[in-house]
Amino acid sequence: MAGKWNGTQALMTKIQPLALFVHCLMHNGNLAMLEAMDSTPFVCDAGGVANDLATFSRQCTKLCNILKASQTEHEKAASILRPLCPTRLLCRGSARKHILNNMEEILQALEHYHKQTSGEAASKAHGFIQVVGHGNFILAVKCMLSVIIPLKNLNRSVQSTSHR
């Protein structure tokens, strides 16, 4: 949309050279959130770990199945972890919330997977157990959510057609 040469910005500039390009509110919220996360190392690291964990669980069918079984055992809806899109942070608050809501099941699944596997996969699982189970990770994810959820609600409200 914003491409200088072929996007909407370029087309509008051809019609009206004095027109200013302004990002939409949702995109501005994402940019502000990205800047805030990048400026706070422990939050930035937790976001990276959460994304790596989701990617790892999607690549390991066995881990994914263990996680679903653990969720079912704890009477929770079986679902997979979703990677966190860095350019659409506000749309992925639910993915971070999912990690917190399923923390016990995630740690159980990683432990079970670690015991059943060997090599690099087992090492990665053990590394995730060490980081994800740590209080700093949980605090960082809660900090992210304390900003993401209100911004997401604000964006949803502003972009709603019912208030126009």
C-alpha atoms as a PDB file:
ATOM      1  CA  MET A   1       0.000   0.000   0.000  1.00  0.00           C
ATOM      2  CA  ALA A   2       2.686   2.515   0.967  1.00  0.00           C
ATOM      3  CA  GLY A   3       5.110   1.808  -1.872  1.00  0.00           C
ATOM      4  CA  LYS A   4       6.830   4.973  -3.051  1.00  0.00           C
ATOM      5  CA  TRP A   5       6.933   3.830  -6.666  1.00  0.00           C
ATOM      6  CA  ASN A   6       3.916   1.568  -7.282  1.00  0.00           C
ATOM      7  CA  GLY A   7       1.770   1.631  -4.147  1.00  0.00           C
ATOM      8  CA  THR A   8      -1.233   3.697  -3.159  1.00  0.00           C
ATOM      9  CA  GLN A   9       1.112   6.401  -1.894  1.00  0.00           C
ATOM     10  CA  ALA A  10       2.607   6.781  -5.397  1.00  0.00           C
ATOM     11  CA  LEU A  11      -0.798   6.812  -7.095  1.00  0.00           C
ATOM     12  CA  MET A  12      -2.133   9.475  -4.724  1.00  0.00           C
ATOM     13  CA  THR A  13       0.982  11.608  -5.162  1.00  0.00           C
ATOM     14  CA  LYS A  14       0.471  11.552  -8.964  1.00  0.00           C
ATOM     15  CA  ILE A  15      -3.058  12.874  -8.507  1.00  0.00           C
ATOM     16  CA  GLN A  16      -2.253  15.316  -5.705  1.00  0.00           C
ATOM     17  CA  PRO A  17       1.470  16.071  -5.198  1.00  0.00           C
ATOM     18  CA  LEU A  18       0.798  17.849  -1.875  1.00  0.00           C
ATOM     19  CA  ALA A  19      -0.948  14.820  -0.337  1.00  0.00           C
ATOM     20  CA  LEU A  20       0.733  13.440   2.766  1.00  0.00           C
ATOM     21  CA  PHE A  21       0.968   9.735   3.396  1.00  0.00           C
ATOM     22  CA  VAL A  22      -0.066   8.689   6.896  1.00  0.00           C
ATOM     23  CA  HIS A  23      -0.095   5.132   8.226  1.00  0.00           C
ATOM     24  CA  CYS A  24      -3.448   3.856   9.445  1.00  0.00           C
ATOM     25  CA  LEU A  25      -4.109   3.721  13.185  1.00  0.00           C
ATOM     26  CA  MET A  26      -3.653  -0.065  13.374  1.00  0.00           C
ATOM     27  CA  HIS A  27      -0.268   0.148  11.674  1.00  0.00           C
ATOM     28  CA  ASN A  28       0.801   3.016  13.948  1.00  0.00           C
ATOM     29  CA  GLY A  29      -0.175   0.928  16.976  1.00  0.00           C
ATOM     30  CA  ASN A  30       1.930  -1.938  15.661  1.00  0.00           C
ATOM     31  CA  LEU A  31       4.902   0.361  15.060  1.00  0.00           C
ATOM     32  CA  ALA A  32       4.632   1.855  18.560  1.00  0.00           C
ATOM     33  CA  MET A  33       4.360  -1.602  20.140  1.00  0.00           C
ATOM     34  CA  LEU A  34       7.321  -2.892  18.124  1.00  0.00           C
ATOM     35  CA  GLU A  35       9.424   0.089  19.237  1.00  0.00           C
ATOM     36  CA  ALA A  36       8.429  -0.423  22.882  1.00  0.00           C
ATOM     37  CA  MET A  37       9.276  -4.136  22.737  1.00  0.00           C
ATOM     38  CA  ASP A  38      12.616  -3.537  21.020  1.00  0.00           C
ATOM     39  CA  SER A  39      13.631  -0.968  23.618  1.00  0.00           C
ATOM     40  CA  THR A  40      13.062  -3.366  26.532  1.00  0.00           C
ATOM     41  CA  PRO A  41      15.556  -6.264  26.315  1.00  0.00           C
ATOM     42  CA  PHE A  42      13.786  -8.741  28.590  1.00  0.00           C
ATOM     43  CA  VAL A  43      10.466  -8.195  26.777  1.00  0.00           C
ATOM     44  CA  CYS A  44      12.181  -8.398  23.389  1.00  0.00           C
ATOM     45  CA  ASP A  45      13.915 -11.639  24.403  1.00  0.00           C
ATOM     46  CA  ALA A  46      10.665 -13.156  25.683  1.00  0.00           C
ATOM     47  CA  GLY A  47       8.947 -12.307  22.406  1.00  0.00           C
ATOM     48  CA  GLY A  48      11.733 -14.038  20.508  1.00  0.00           C
ATOM     49  CA  VAL A  49      11.582 -17.095  22.762  1.00  0.00           C
ATOM     50  CA  ALA A  50       7.783 -17.300  22.412  1.00  0.00           C
ATOM     51  CA  ASN A  51       8.101 -17.138  18.634  1.00  0.00           C
ATOM     52  CA  ASP A  52      10.899 -19.729  18.593  1.00  0.00           C
ATOM     53  CA  LEU A  53       8.849 -22.024  20.838  1.00  0.00           C
ATOM     54  CA  ALA A  54       5.830 -21.804  18.522  1.00  0.00           C
ATOM     55  CA  THR A  55       7.997 -22.454  15.468  1.00  0.00           C
ATOM     56  CA  PHE A  56       9.729 -25.384  17.193  1.00  0.00           C
ATOM     57  CA  SER A  57       6.411 -26.947  18.236  1.00  0.00           C
ATOM     58  CA  ARG A  58       5.064 -26.639  14.684  1.00  0.00           C
ATOM     59  CA  GLN A  59       8.167 -28.304  13.263  1.00  0.00           C
ATOM     60  CA  CYS A  60       7.962 -31.213  15.730  1.00  0.00           C
ATOM     61  CA  THR A  61       4.771 -33.155  15.122  1.00  0.00           C
ATOM     62  CA  LYS A  62       5.517 -35.347  18.128  1.00  0.00           C
ATOM     63  CA  LEU A  63       5.779 -32.326  20.458  1.00  0.00           C
ATOM     64  CA  CYS A  64       2.612 -30.847  18.987  1.00  0.00           C
ATOM     65  CA  ASN A  65       0.723 -34.101  19.631  1.00  0.00           C
ATOM     66  CA  ILE A  66       2.094 -34.347  23.191  1.00  0.00           C
ATOM     67  CA  LEU A  67       0.952 -30.762  23.853  1.00  0.00           C
ATOM     68  CA  LYS A  68      -2.539 -31.441  22.497  1.00  0.00           C
ATOM     69  CA  ALA A  69      -2.798 -34.594  24.634  1.00  0.00           C
ATOM     70  CA  SER A  70      -1.680 -32.650  27.718  1.00  0.00           C
ATOM     71  CA  GLN A  71      -4.264 -29.943  27.049  1.00  0.00           C
ATOM     72  CA  THR A  72      -7.003 -32.543  26.632  1.00  0.00           C
ATOM     73  CA  GLU A  73      -5.897 -34.236  29.860  1.00  0.00           C
ATOM     74  CA  HIS A  74      -6.294 -30.907  31.688  1.00  0.00           C
ATOM     75  CA  GLU A  75      -9.706 -30.396  30.069  1.00  0.00           C
ATOM     76  CA  LYS A  76      -8.574 -27.531  27.882  1.00  0.00           C
ATOM     77  CA  ALA A  77      -9.293 -27.154  24.198  1.00  0.00           C
ATOM     78  CA  ALA A  78      -6.444 -28.776  22.291  1.00  0.00           C
ATOM     79  CA  SER A  79      -4.688 -26.162  20.196  1.00  0.00           C
ATOM     80  CA  ILE A  80      -1.259 -25.501  18.779  1.00  0.00           C
ATOM     81  CA  LEU A  81       1.092 -22.630  19.506  1.00  0.00           C
ATOM     82  CA  ARG A  82       1.136 -19.932  16.852  1.00  0.00           C
ATOM     83  CA  PRO A  83       4.214 -18.012  15.742  1.00  0.00           C
ATOM     84  CA  LEU A  84       4.138 -14.313  16.516  1.00  0.00           C
ATOM     85  CA  CYS A  85       4.194 -12.075  13.470  1.00  0.00           C
ATOM     86  CA  PRO A  86       6.595  -9.198  14.230  1.00  0.00           C
ATOM     87  CA  THR A  87       4.789  -6.748  11.943  1.00  0.00           C
ATOM     88  CA  ARG A  88       1.321  -7.500  13.319  1.00  0.00           C
ATOM     89  CA  LEU A  89       1.955  -7.536  17.042  1.00  0.00           C
ATOM     90  CA  LEU A  90      -1.491  -6.366  18.045  1.00  0.00           C
ATOM     91  CA  CYS A  91      -3.087  -9.230  16.139  1.00  0.00           C
ATOM     92  CA  ARG A  92      -1.034 -11.785  18.052  1.00  0.00           C
ATOM     93  CA  GLY A  93      -1.926 -10.881  21.609  1.00  0.00           C
ATOM     94  CA  SER A  94      -4.060 -13.994  21.717  1.00  0.00           C
ATOM     95  CA  ALA A  95      -0.992 -16.115  20.840  1.00  0.00           C
ATOM     96  CA  ARG A  96       0.865 -14.695  23.838  1.00  0.00           C
ATOM     97  CA  LYS A  97      -2.186 -15.154  26.062  1.00  0.00           C
ATOM     98  CA  HIS A  98      -2.415 -18.757  24.865  1.00  0.00           C
ATOM     99  CA  ILE A  99       1.139 -19.365  26.116  1.00  0.00           C
ATOM    100  CA  LEU A 100       0.272 -18.053  29.590  1.00  0.00           C
ATOM    101  CA  ASN A 101      -3.007 -19.955  29.767  1.00  0.00           C
ATOM    102  CA  ASN A 102      -1.293 -23.213  28.767  1.00  0.00           C
ATOM    103  CA  MET A 103       2.001 -22.751  30.629  1.00  0.00           C
ATOM    104  CA  GLU A 104       1.665 -25.946  32.681  1.00  0.00           C
ATOM    105  CA  GLU A 105       0.741 -28.020  29.629  1.00  0.00           C
ATOM    106  CA  ILE A 106       3.536 -26.506  27.530  1.00  0.00           C
ATOM    107  CA  LEU A 107       6.140 -27.273  30.192  1.00  0.00           C
ATOM    108  CA  GLN A 108       4.783 -30.814  30.641  1.00  0.00           C
ATOM    109  CA  ALA A 109       4.845 -31.414  26.897  1.00  0.00           C
ATOM    110  CA  LEU A 110       8.417 -30.095  26.599  1.00  0.00           C
ATOM    111  CA  GLU A 111       9.551 -32.284  29.513  1.00  0.00           C
ATOM    112  CA  HIS A 112       7.868 -35.357  28.040  1.00  0.00           C
ATOM    113  CA  TYR A 113       9.317 -34.598  24.595  1.00  0.00           C
ATOM    114  CA  HIS A 114      12.783 -34.013  26.088  1.00  0.00           C
ATOM    115  CA  LYS A 115      12.716 -37.453  27.749  1.00  0.00           C
ATOM    116  CA  GLN A 116      11.547 -39.224  24.575  1.00  0.00           C
ATOM    117  CA  THR A 117      13.917 -37.524  22.152  1.00  0.00           C
ATOM    118  CA  SER A 118      17.658 -37.156  21.768  1.00  0.00           C
ATOM    119  CA  GLY A 119      20.117 -34.884  20.014  1.00  0.00           C
ATOM    120  CA  GLU A 120      19.477 -31.302  19.026  1.00  0.00           C
ATOM    121  CA  ALA A 121      15.691 -31.561  19.434  1.00  0.00           C
ATOM    122  CA  ALA A 122      16.079 -32.733  23.039  1.00  0.00           C
ATOM    123  CA  SER A 123      18.551 -29.912  23.724  1.00  0.00           C
ATOM    124  CA  LYS A 124      16.140 -27.325  22.320  1.00  0.00           C
ATOM    125  CA  ALA A 125      13.283 -28.706  24.401  1.00  0.00           C
ATOM    126  CA  HIS A 126      15.447 -28.567  27.527  1.00  0.00           C
ATOM    127  CA  GLY A 127      16.461 -24.978  26.705  1.00  0.00           C
ATOM    128  CA  PHE A 128      12.819 -23.963  26.333  1.00  0.00           C
ATOM    129  CA  ILE A 129      11.998 -25.594  29.685  1.00  0.00           C
ATOM    130  CA  GLN A 130      14.726 -23.513  31.353  1.00  0.00           C
ATOM    131  CA  VAL A 131      13.589 -20.222  29.804  1.00  0.00           C
ATOM    132  CA  VAL A 132       9.798 -20.568  29.554  1.00  0.00           C
ATOM    133  CA  GLY A 133       9.424 -21.818  33.118  1.00  0.00           C
ATOM    134  CA  HIS A 134      11.407 -18.864  34.475  1.00  0.00           C
ATOM    135  CA  GLY A 135       9.624 -15.963  36.150  1.00  0.00           C
ATOM    136  CA  ASN A 136      11.248 -13.349  33.884  1.00  0.00           C
ATOM    137  CA  PHE A 137       9.634 -14.911  30.811  1.00  0.00           C
ATOM    138  CA  ILE A 138       6.205 -15.001  32.422  1.00  0.00           C
ATOM    139  CA  LEU A 139       6.540 -11.406  33.653  1.00  0.00           C
ATOM    140  CA  ALA A 140       7.673 -10.211  30.215  1.00  0.00           C
ATOM    141  CA  VAL A 141       4.726 -11.885  28.480  1.00  0.00           C
ATOM    142  CA  LYS A 142       2.345 -10.338  31.022  1.00  0.00           C
ATOM    143  CA  CYS A 143       3.946  -6.928  30.375  1.00  0.00           C
ATOM    144  CA  MET A 144       3.410  -7.392  26.628  1.00  0.00           C
ATOM    145  CA  LEU A 145      -0.222  -8.306  27.160  1.00  0.00           C
ATOM    146  CA  SER A 146      -0.828  -5.321  29.436  1.00  0.00           C
ATOM    147  CA  VAL A 147      -0.050  -3.089  26.451  1.00  0.00           C
ATOM    148  CA  ILE A 148      -1.193  -5.218  23.521  1.00  0.00           C
ATOM    149  CA  ILE A 149      -4.735  -5.895  24.741  1.00  0.00           C
ATOM    150  CA  PRO A 150      -5.741  -2.241  25.405  1.00  0.00           C
ATOM    151  CA  LEU A 151      -4.164  -1.139  22.090  1.00  0.00           C
ATOM    152  CA  LYS A 152      -5.960  -3.908  20.235  1.00  0.00           C
ATOM    153  CA  ASN A 153      -9.264  -2.916  21.852  1.00  0.00           C
ATOM    154  CA  LEU A 154      -8.658   0.744  20.986  1.00  0.00           C
ATOM    155  CA  ASN A 155      -7.882  -0.103  17.370  1.00  0.00           C
ATOM    156  CA  ARG A 156     -10.933  -2.345  17.105  1.00  0.00           C
ATOM    157  CA  SER A 157     -13.136   0.395  18.548  1.00  0.00           C
ATOM    158  CA  VAL A 158     -11.762   3.148  16.300  1.00  0.00           C
ATOM    159  CA  GLN A 159     -12.074   1.027  13.176  1.00  0.00           C
ATOM    160  CA  SER A 160     -15.573  -0.192  14.012  1.00  0.00           C
ATOM    161  CA  THR A 161     -18.286   0.768  11.518  1.00  0.00           C
ATOM    162  CA  SER A 162     -20.928   0.960  14.264  1.00  0.00           C
ATOM    163  CA  HIS A 163     -19.506   4.251  15.635  1.00  0.00           C
ATOM    164  CA  ARG A 164     -19.434   6.149  12.345  1.00  0.00           C
END
